[in-house]
Amino acid sequence: MKKLIIFIFFGLLFGYDCQDLIRKYNAPDPKYKTMRQLKRWAKEHLQDNPLKEEILECLIENAADNPNQETIAGE
């Protein structure tokens, strides 16, 4: 919950939403990737990025195999 509040704060401050973050960092389209593939992509491409967790949350909540599209589902 704390991360969500921080993400919303930074999102409002810098004007970013999930789609903007996905486009800015050239992330793969989460509708065609599994959660495991997205986590692997984030590990390889967002190593030192301060917004790594927020980008990963955006990707996972829209992942093709996410059983609950509104919240992040655990594996």
Protein backbone atom coordinates (compact mmCIF):
# COMPACT_ATOMS: atom_id res chain seq x y z
CA MET A 1 0.00 0.00 0.00
CA LYS A 2 2.87 2.30 0.84
CA LYS A 3 4.44 1.77 -2.59
CA LEU A 4 1.14 2.53 -4.29
CA ILE A 5 0.86 5.84 -2.44
CA ILE A 6 4.45 6.73 -3.37
CA PHE A 7 3.79 5.78 -7.00
CA ILE A 8 0.65 7.91 -7.10
CA PHE A 9 2.57 10.82 -5.56
CA PHE A 10 5.38 10.57 -8.12
CA GLY A 11 2.86 9.98 -10.88
CA LEU A 12 1.04 13.18 -10.02
CA LEU A 13 4.29 15.05 -9.51
CA PHE A 14 5.89 14.00 -12.78
CA GLY A 15 2.74 13.26 -14.79
CA TYR A 16 3.47 9.55 -15.34
CA ASP A 17 0.94 6.77 -15.53
CA CYS A 18 1.53 3.10 -16.31
CA GLN A 19 1.37 3.50 -20.08
CA ASP A 20 3.80 6.43 -19.99
CA LEU A 21 6.29 4.41 -17.95
CA ILE A 22 5.97 1.42 -20.28
CA ARG A 23 6.59 3.63 -23.32
CA LYS A 24 9.41 5.62 -21.72
CA TYR A 25 11.43 2.52 -20.79
CA ASN A 26 10.56 0.51 -23.94
CA ALA A 27 9.01 -2.25 -21.89
CA PRO A 28 7.37 -5.18 -23.65
CA ASP A 29 3.60 -5.18 -24.08
CA PRO A 30 2.35 -6.87 -20.89
CA LYS A 31 -0.77 -8.20 -22.61
CA TYR A 32 1.39 -10.69 -24.51
CA LYS A 33 3.87 -11.63 -21.77
CA THR A 34 3.64 -13.72 -18.62
CA MET A 35 4.47 -12.39 -15.18
CA ARG A 36 7.67 -14.45 -15.13
CA GLN A 37 8.80 -13.01 -18.49
CA LEU A 38 8.10 -9.48 -17.29
CA LYS A 39 10.04 -10.00 -14.06
CA ARG A 40 12.97 -11.36 -16.05
CA TRP A 41 12.84 -8.35 -18.41
CA ALA A 42 12.81 -5.92 -15.46
CA LYS A 43 15.74 -7.70 -13.82
CA GLU A 44 17.80 -7.40 -17.01
CA HIS A 45 16.82 -3.88 -18.12
CA LEU A 46 15.96 -1.88 -15.00
CA GLN A 47 18.81 -2.76 -12.68
CA ASP A 48 19.62 0.70 -11.29
CA ASN A 49 16.36 2.44 -12.11
CA PRO A 50 14.71 4.11 -9.09
CA LEU A 51 11.27 3.43 -10.59
CA LYS A 52 11.95 -0.28 -11.13
CA GLU A 53 9.29 -1.48 -8.67
CA GLU A 54 6.65 0.87 -10.01
CA ILE A 55 7.30 -0.13 -13.62
CA LEU A 56 7.25 -3.80 -12.69
CA GLU A 57 3.94 -3.36 -10.83
CA CYS A 58 2.43 -1.69 -13.90
CA LEU A 59 3.63 -4.52 -16.11
CA ILE A 60 2.45 -7.30 -13.82
CA GLU A 61 -1.02 -5.88 -13.24
CA ASN A 62 -1.55 -6.01 -17.02
CA ALA A 63 0.21 -9.34 -17.59
CA ALA A 64 -1.45 -11.95 -19.80
CA ASP A 65 -1.46 -14.63 -17.09
CA ASN A 66 -2.47 -12.42 -14.18
CA PRO A 67 -5.63 -14.01 -12.75
CA ASN A 68 -6.69 -10.79 -11.08
CA GLN A 69 -6.23 -7.85 -13.46
CA GLU A 70 -7.03 -5.19 -10.84
CA THR A 71 -4.40 -6.16 -8.28
CA ILE A 72 -0.99 -7.74 -8.50
CA ALA A 73 -1.34 -11.48 -8.05
CA GLY A 74 1.38 -13.51 -6.40
CA GLU A 75 2.93 -16.42 -8.16
